[in-house]
């Protein structure tokens, strides 16, 4: 393969650029996951309406809900702070927001301590989940 460099041949700027590309890809994946979860919630809402509006089709609505197999949406289930190991096998903490109707989700990686991940979570909630904006 031409155009490939070994790790020893990369400059620090090139390595930073690769890390930034990786982080952007992870952010994109988080946004896609959040969209998927919002779609599942909308499907659950549709099943709820079917159960209420069409008593004749109640078994179908229950079947639909079973196929969705998604726990009901709760704000507590949207945010997560978890430990992980980075590419050099060092312990790190990540903050993850799965997204809501007012937020497309967020992924914050590389925190050295749980406390800094929690600070990022609180900042994200204050900025992106502001109840005044809902």
N, C-alpha and C. Protein backbone atom coordinates (compact mmCIF):
# COMPACT_ATOMS: atom_id res chain seq x y z
N UNK A 1 0.84 -1.18 0.00
CA UNK A 1 0.00 0.00 0.00
C UNK A 1 0.88 1.24 0.00
N UNK A 2 0.68 2.08 -0.94
CA UNK A 2 1.45 3.31 -0.99
C UNK A 2 0.73 4.39 -0.19
N UNK A 3 1.47 5.35 0.29
CA UNK A 3 0.90 6.45 1.03
C UNK A 3 0.71 6.18 2.51
N UNK A 4 1.05 5.01 2.96
CA UNK A 4 0.92 4.69 4.39
C UNK A 4 2.22 4.99 5.10
N UNK A 5 2.11 5.45 6.32
CA UNK A 5 3.29 5.75 7.13
C UNK A 5 3.24 4.88 8.37
N UNK A 6 4.42 4.57 8.87
CA UNK A 6 4.48 3.88 10.16
C UNK A 6 4.31 4.92 11.25
N UNK A 7 4.07 4.47 12.45
CA UNK A 7 3.88 5.39 13.57
C UNK A 7 5.13 6.24 13.80
N UNK A 8 6.30 5.66 13.56
CA UNK A 8 7.55 6.41 13.75
C UNK A 8 7.72 7.53 12.74
N UNK A 9 7.06 7.41 11.59
CA UNK A 9 7.19 8.43 10.54
C UNK A 9 6.21 9.58 10.69
N UNK A 10 5.22 9.45 11.58
CA UNK A 10 4.21 10.49 11.75
C UNK A 10 4.75 11.64 12.58
N UNK A 11 4.40 12.84 12.18
CA UNK A 11 4.71 14.00 13.02
C UNK A 11 3.63 14.11 14.09
N UNK A 12 3.89 14.89 15.10
CA UNK A 12 2.89 15.04 16.17
C UNK A 12 1.62 15.68 15.63
N UNK A 13 1.75 16.59 14.66
CA UNK A 13 0.57 17.21 14.06
C UNK A 13 -0.26 16.18 13.30
N UNK A 14 0.39 15.29 12.57
CA UNK A 14 -0.33 14.25 11.84
C UNK A 14 -1.03 13.28 12.80
N UNK A 15 -0.35 12.96 13.89
CA UNK A 15 -0.95 12.08 14.89
C UNK A 15 -2.16 12.75 15.54
N UNK A 16 -2.02 14.04 15.86
CA UNK A 16 -3.15 14.79 16.41
C UNK A 16 -4.32 14.81 15.44
N UNK A 17 -4.01 14.97 14.15
CA UNK A 17 -5.07 14.98 13.13
C UNK A 17 -5.77 13.62 13.08
N UNK A 18 -5.02 12.54 13.19
CA UNK A 18 -5.64 11.21 13.20
C UNK A 18 -6.52 11.02 14.43
N UNK A 19 -6.04 11.47 15.59
CA UNK A 19 -6.86 11.38 16.80
C UNK A 19 -8.14 12.21 16.65
N UNK A 20 -8.02 13.40 16.04
CA UNK A 20 -9.20 14.23 15.83
C UNK A 20 -10.19 13.55 14.89
N UNK A 21 -9.69 12.91 13.83
CA UNK A 21 -10.57 12.20 12.91
C UNK A 21 -11.27 11.05 13.62
N UNK A 22 -10.53 10.34 14.48
CA UNK A 22 -11.13 9.25 15.24
C UNK A 22 -12.22 9.77 16.16
N UNK A 23 -11.94 10.87 16.85
CA UNK A 23 -12.92 11.44 17.77
C UNK A 23 -14.17 11.92 17.02
N UNK A 24 -13.98 12.51 15.84
CA UNK A 24 -15.12 12.94 15.03
C UNK A 24 -15.96 11.75 14.59
N UNK A 25 -15.29 10.66 14.22
CA UNK A 25 -16.02 9.45 13.83
C UNK A 25 -16.82 8.90 15.00
N UNK A 26 -16.23 8.92 16.19
CA UNK A 26 -16.95 8.44 17.38
C UNK A 26 -18.13 9.34 17.70
N UNK A 27 -17.95 10.66 17.53
CA UNK A 27 -19.06 11.59 17.77
C UNK A 27 -20.19 11.31 16.77
N UNK A 28 -19.82 11.06 15.53
CA UNK A 28 -20.82 10.75 14.51
C UNK A 28 -21.56 9.47 14.86
N UNK A 29 -20.83 8.47 15.32
CA UNK A 29 -21.46 7.21 15.71
C UNK A 29 -22.41 7.44 16.89
N UNK A 30 -22.03 8.31 17.81
CA UNK A 30 -22.91 8.61 18.95
C UNK A 30 -24.19 9.30 18.47
N UNK A 31 -24.05 10.21 17.51
CA UNK A 31 -25.24 10.89 16.98
C UNK A 31 -26.17 9.90 16.27
N UNK A 32 -25.58 8.97 15.52
CA UNK A 32 -26.39 7.96 14.84
C UNK A 32 -27.10 7.07 15.86
N UNK A 33 -26.39 6.68 16.91
CA UNK A 33 -27.01 5.86 17.96
C UNK A 33 -28.15 6.62 18.63
N UNK A 34 -27.96 7.91 18.85
CA UNK A 34 -29.01 8.72 19.47
C UNK A 34 -30.23 8.81 18.56
N UNK A 35 -30.00 8.97 17.26
CA UNK A 35 -31.11 9.01 16.31
C UNK A 35 -31.86 7.69 16.32
N UNK A 36 -31.14 6.59 16.37
CA UNK A 36 -31.77 5.27 16.42
C UNK A 36 -32.63 5.13 17.67
N UNK A 37 -32.10 5.59 18.79
CA UNK A 37 -32.85 5.49 20.04
C UNK A 37 -34.10 6.37 20.02
N UNK A 38 -33.99 7.57 19.42
CA UNK A 38 -35.17 8.42 19.31
C UNK A 38 -36.22 7.78 18.40
N UNK A 39 -35.78 7.11 17.34
CA UNK A 39 -36.71 6.41 16.46
C UNK A 39 -37.42 5.30 17.22
N UNK A 40 -36.69 4.56 18.03
CA UNK A 40 -37.32 3.51 18.84
C UNK A 40 -38.36 4.10 19.78
N UNK A 41 -38.04 5.26 20.37
CA UNK A 41 -39.00 5.90 21.26
C UNK A 41 -40.25 6.31 20.49
N UNK A 42 -40.08 6.85 19.31
CA UNK A 42 -41.25 7.23 18.50
C UNK A 42 -42.08 6.01 18.14
N UNK A 43 -41.41 4.89 17.87
CA UNK A 43 -42.14 3.65 17.58
C UNK A 43 -42.93 3.20 18.81
N UNK A 44 -42.34 3.34 19.99
CA UNK A 44 -43.07 3.00 21.21
C UNK A 44 -44.28 3.91 21.38
N UNK A 45 -44.11 5.20 21.09
CA UNK A 45 -45.24 6.12 21.19
C UNK A 45 -46.35 5.73 20.21
N UNK A 46 -45.97 5.31 19.01
CA UNK A 46 -46.96 4.86 18.03
C UNK A 46 -47.69 3.63 18.54
N UNK A 47 -46.96 2.69 19.12
CA UNK A 47 -47.60 1.50 19.68
C UNK A 47 -48.56 1.88 20.81
N UNK A 48 -48.17 2.89 21.62
CA UNK A 48 -49.07 3.36 22.68
C UNK A 48 -50.37 3.89 22.09
N UNK A 49 -50.27 4.67 21.01
CA UNK A 49 -51.47 5.21 20.39
C UNK A 49 -52.33 4.10 19.82
N UNK A 50 -51.71 3.09 19.25
CA UNK A 50 -52.47 1.97 18.71
C UNK A 50 -53.22 1.25 19.82
N UNK A 51 -52.55 1.05 20.95
CA UNK A 51 -53.22 0.38 22.07
C UNK A 51 -54.42 1.17 22.54
N UNK A 52 -54.32 2.48 22.55
CA UNK A 52 -55.40 3.32 23.05
C UNK A 52 -56.52 3.49 22.03
N UNK A 53 -56.17 3.64 20.76
CA UNK A 53 -57.16 4.00 19.76
C UNK A 53 -57.87 2.81 19.14
N UNK A 54 -57.20 1.71 18.97
CA UNK A 54 -57.78 0.59 18.24
C UNK A 54 -57.82 -0.65 19.11
N UNK A 55 -58.88 -0.80 19.86
CA UNK A 55 -58.98 -1.95 20.77
C UNK A 55 -58.96 -3.26 20.00
N UNK A 56 -59.47 -3.28 18.77
CA UNK A 56 -59.50 -4.49 17.96
C UNK A 56 -58.08 -4.97 17.64
N UNK A 57 -57.17 -4.02 17.47
CA UNK A 57 -55.79 -4.36 17.09
C UNK A 57 -54.85 -4.38 18.29
N UNK A 58 -55.38 -4.48 19.48
CA UNK A 58 -54.54 -4.48 20.67
C UNK A 58 -53.49 -5.59 20.66
N UNK A 59 -53.81 -6.83 20.26
CA UNK A 59 -52.75 -7.86 20.21
C UNK A 59 -51.62 -7.47 19.25
N UNK A 60 -51.98 -6.85 18.11
CA UNK A 60 -50.95 -6.41 17.16
C UNK A 60 -50.05 -5.35 17.79
N UNK A 61 -50.66 -4.42 18.53
CA UNK A 61 -49.87 -3.38 19.18
C UNK A 61 -48.91 -3.99 20.20
N UNK A 62 -49.37 -4.97 20.95
CA UNK A 62 -48.50 -5.63 21.92
C UNK A 62 -47.36 -6.39 21.21
N UNK A 63 -47.69 -7.01 20.07
CA UNK A 63 -46.65 -7.69 19.28
C UNK A 63 -45.62 -6.69 18.78
N UNK A 64 -46.11 -5.55 18.27
CA UNK A 64 -45.22 -4.50 17.78
C UNK A 64 -44.31 -4.02 18.90
N UNK A 65 -44.87 -3.79 20.08
CA UNK A 65 -44.05 -3.33 21.21
C UNK A 65 -42.99 -4.37 21.56
N UNK A 66 -43.37 -5.66 21.52
CA UNK A 66 -42.41 -6.71 21.82
C UNK A 66 -41.27 -6.76 20.81
N UNK A 67 -41.58 -6.49 19.55
CA UNK A 67 -40.54 -6.50 18.52
C UNK A 67 -39.60 -5.31 18.65
N UNK A 68 -40.12 -4.21 19.14
CA UNK A 68 -39.27 -3.03 19.33
C UNK A 68 -38.24 -3.32 20.41
N UNK A 69 -38.67 -4.02 21.46
CA UNK A 69 -37.82 -4.43 22.57
C UNK A 69 -36.86 -3.33 23.03
N UNK A 70 -37.42 -2.20 23.30
CA UNK A 70 -36.63 -1.06 23.75
C UNK A 70 -37.23 -0.57 25.06
N UNK A 71 -36.40 -0.42 26.06
CA UNK A 71 -36.89 0.07 27.34
C UNK A 71 -37.43 1.48 27.15
N UNK A 72 -38.43 1.88 27.91
CA UNK A 72 -38.96 3.25 27.79
C UNK A 72 -37.88 4.28 28.04
N UNK A 73 -38.00 5.39 27.36
CA UNK A 73 -37.03 6.47 27.48
C UNK A 73 -37.13 7.12 28.85
N UNK A 74 -36.01 7.30 29.49
CA UNK A 74 -35.94 8.07 30.73
C UNK A 74 -34.68 8.92 30.67
N UNK A 75 -34.72 10.14 31.17
CA UNK A 75 -33.52 10.98 31.14
C UNK A 75 -32.33 10.33 31.83
N UNK A 76 -32.59 9.54 32.90
CA UNK A 76 -31.48 8.89 33.60
C UNK A 76 -30.76 7.90 32.69
N UNK A 77 -31.47 7.30 31.74
CA UNK A 77 -30.86 6.33 30.85
C UNK A 77 -30.10 6.95 29.70
N UNK A 78 -30.15 8.27 29.57
CA UNK A 78 -29.52 8.96 28.45
C UNK A 78 -28.05 9.24 28.72
N UNK A 79 -27.66 9.40 29.97
CA UNK A 79 -26.31 9.81 30.32
C UNK A 79 -25.55 8.66 30.96
N UNK A 80 -24.28 8.52 30.59
CA UNK A 80 -23.45 7.46 31.16
C UNK A 80 -22.02 7.96 31.34
N UNK A 81 -21.42 7.62 32.46
CA UNK A 81 -19.99 7.86 32.71
C UNK A 81 -19.40 6.49 33.02
N UNK A 82 -18.44 6.06 32.17
CA UNK A 82 -17.92 4.71 32.29
C UNK A 82 -16.40 4.69 32.13
N UNK A 83 -15.75 3.73 32.80
CA UNK A 83 -14.31 3.55 32.59
C UNK A 83 -14.05 2.76 31.32
N UNK A 84 -12.89 2.98 30.72
CA UNK A 84 -12.46 2.20 29.57
C UNK A 84 -10.94 2.27 29.49
N UNK A 85 -10.35 1.56 28.56
CA UNK A 85 -8.90 1.61 28.35
C UNK A 85 -8.64 2.19 26.97
N UNK A 86 -7.71 3.15 26.91
CA UNK A 86 -7.42 3.79 25.63
C UNK A 86 -6.53 2.89 24.77
N UNK A 87 -6.11 3.42 23.62
CA UNK A 87 -5.33 2.62 22.67
C UNK A 87 -3.97 2.18 23.22
N UNK A 88 -3.50 2.83 24.28
CA UNK A 88 -2.25 2.43 24.92
C UNK A 88 -2.50 1.66 26.22
N UNK A 89 -3.74 1.19 26.38
CA UNK A 89 -4.15 0.37 27.51
C UNK A 89 -4.09 1.12 28.85
N UNK A 90 -4.21 2.44 28.79
CA UNK A 90 -4.23 3.23 30.02
C UNK A 90 -5.69 3.39 30.47
N UNK A 91 -5.94 3.38 31.77
CA UNK A 91 -7.32 3.57 32.23
C UNK A 91 -7.77 5.00 32.00
N UNK A 92 -8.96 5.15 31.45
CA UNK A 92 -9.56 6.46 31.18
C UNK A 92 -11.04 6.39 31.51
N UNK A 93 -11.69 7.57 31.50
CA UNK A 93 -13.12 7.66 31.74
C UNK A 93 -13.77 8.35 30.54
N UNK A 94 -14.96 7.90 30.20
CA UNK A 94 -15.71 8.48 29.08
C UNK A 94 -17.08 8.94 29.58
N UNK A 95 -17.52 10.05 29.02
CA UNK A 95 -18.89 10.51 29.25
C UNK A 95 -19.66 10.31 27.96
N UNK A 96 -20.87 9.76 28.04
CA UNK A 96 -21.69 9.50 26.85
C UNK A 96 -23.10 10.00 27.09
N UNK A 97 -23.59 10.81 26.18
CA UNK A 97 -25.00 11.21 26.16
C UNK A 97 -25.58 10.56 24.91
N UNK A 98 -26.66 9.81 25.08
CA UNK A 98 -27.26 9.09 23.96
C UNK A 98 -28.19 9.96 23.14
N UNK A 99 -28.44 11.17 23.60
CA UNK A 99 -29.27 12.10 22.84
C UNK A 99 -30.72 12.10 23.28
N UNK A 100 -31.36 13.24 23.03
CA UNK A 100 -32.77 13.41 23.33
C UNK A 100 -33.39 14.21 22.19
N UNK A 101 -34.60 14.67 22.37
CA UNK A 101 -35.23 15.49 21.34
C UNK A 101 -34.54 16.84 21.16
N UNK A 102 -33.83 17.31 22.17
CA UNK A 102 -33.15 18.61 22.08
C UNK A 102 -31.64 18.47 21.91
N UNK A 103 -31.13 17.24 21.93
CA UNK A 103 -29.68 17.01 21.87
C UNK A 103 -29.40 15.82 20.95
N UNK A 104 -28.40 15.95 20.10
CA UNK A 104 -28.04 14.85 19.18
C UNK A 104 -27.06 13.86 19.79
N UNK A 105 -26.74 14.01 21.05
CA UNK A 105 -25.80 13.09 21.69
C UNK A 105 -24.40 13.68 21.78
N UNK A 106 -23.59 13.08 22.63
CA UNK A 106 -22.23 13.57 22.84
C UNK A 106 -21.38 12.45 23.40
N UNK A 107 -20.12 12.41 22.99
CA UNK A 107 -19.18 11.44 23.50
C UNK A 107 -17.91 12.18 23.89
N UNK A 108 -17.52 12.10 25.15
CA UNK A 108 -16.31 12.74 25.64
C UNK A 108 -15.35 11.67 26.14
N UNK A 109 -14.21 11.53 25.48
CA UNK A 109 -13.25 10.48 25.80
C UNK A 109 -11.99 11.06 26.44
N UNK A 110 -11.21 10.20 27.08
CA UNK A 110 -9.87 10.57 27.51
C UNK A 110 -9.76 11.25 28.86
N UNK A 111 -10.81 11.19 29.67
CA UNK A 111 -10.73 11.80 30.99
C UNK A 111 -9.85 10.93 31.89
N UNK A 112 -8.91 11.57 32.58
CA UNK A 112 -8.00 10.83 33.45
C UNK A 112 -8.67 10.39 34.75
N UNK A 113 -9.72 11.11 35.15
CA UNK A 113 -10.42 10.78 36.38
C UNK A 113 -11.92 10.80 36.15
N UNK A 114 -12.63 10.04 36.95
CA UNK A 114 -14.08 10.01 36.86
C UNK A 114 -14.66 11.40 37.12
N UNK A 115 -14.04 12.14 38.01
CA UNK A 115 -14.54 13.47 38.37
C UNK A 115 -14.59 14.40 37.17
N UNK A 116 -13.58 14.35 36.29
CA UNK A 116 -13.59 15.23 35.12
C UNK A 116 -14.66 14.81 34.12
N UNK A 117 -14.92 13.51 34.00
CA UNK A 117 -16.01 13.04 33.14
C UNK A 117 -17.35 13.51 33.69
N UNK A 118 -17.50 13.49 35.01
CA UNK A 118 -18.74 13.96 35.62
C UNK A 118 -18.92 15.47 35.42
N UNK A 119 -17.81 16.21 35.47
CA UNK A 119 -17.87 17.65 35.22
C UNK A 119 -18.33 17.90 33.79
N UNK A 120 -17.77 17.14 32.83
CA UNK A 120 -18.20 17.30 31.44
C UNK A 120 -19.68 16.96 31.30
N UNK A 121 -20.12 15.89 31.98
CA UNK A 121 -21.54 15.52 31.93
C UNK A 121 -22.41 16.67 32.43
N UNK A 122 -22.05 17.25 33.57
CA UNK A 122 -22.84 18.34 34.14
C UNK A 122 -22.85 19.55 33.22
N UNK A 123 -21.70 19.86 32.62
CA UNK A 123 -21.62 20.99 31.69
C UNK A 123 -22.50 20.73 30.46
N UNK A 124 -22.43 19.52 29.93
CA UNK A 124 -23.24 19.16 28.77
C UNK A 124 -24.73 19.27 29.09
N UNK A 125 -25.13 18.76 30.25
CA UNK A 125 -26.55 18.84 30.64
C UNK A 125 -26.98 20.29 30.74
N UNK A 126 -26.14 21.13 31.34
CA UNK A 126 -26.49 22.54 31.50
C UNK A 126 -26.60 23.25 30.15
N UNK A 127 -25.73 22.89 29.19
CA UNK A 127 -25.71 23.57 27.90
C UNK A 127 -26.70 22.98 26.90
N UNK A 128 -26.74 21.66 26.78
CA UNK A 128 -27.52 21.03 25.71
C UNK A 128 -28.90 20.55 26.16
N UNK A 129 -29.10 20.39 27.46
CA UNK A 129 -30.37 19.88 27.97
C UNK A 129 -31.07 20.95 28.81
N UNK A 130 -30.82 22.21 28.49
CA UNK A 130 -31.39 23.32 29.24
C UNK A 130 -32.91 23.24 29.16
N UNK A 131 -33.62 23.14 30.28
CA UNK A 131 -35.08 23.02 30.23
C UNK A 131 -35.77 24.24 29.62
N UNK A 132 -35.10 25.40 29.62
CA UNK A 132 -35.69 26.59 29.01
C UNK A 132 -35.78 26.45 27.49
N UNK A 133 -34.90 25.61 26.90
CA UNK A 133 -34.89 25.44 25.44
C UNK A 133 -35.92 24.41 24.98
N UNK A 134 -36.39 23.55 25.87
CA UNK A 134 -37.31 22.48 25.49
C UNK A 134 -38.68 23.02 25.20
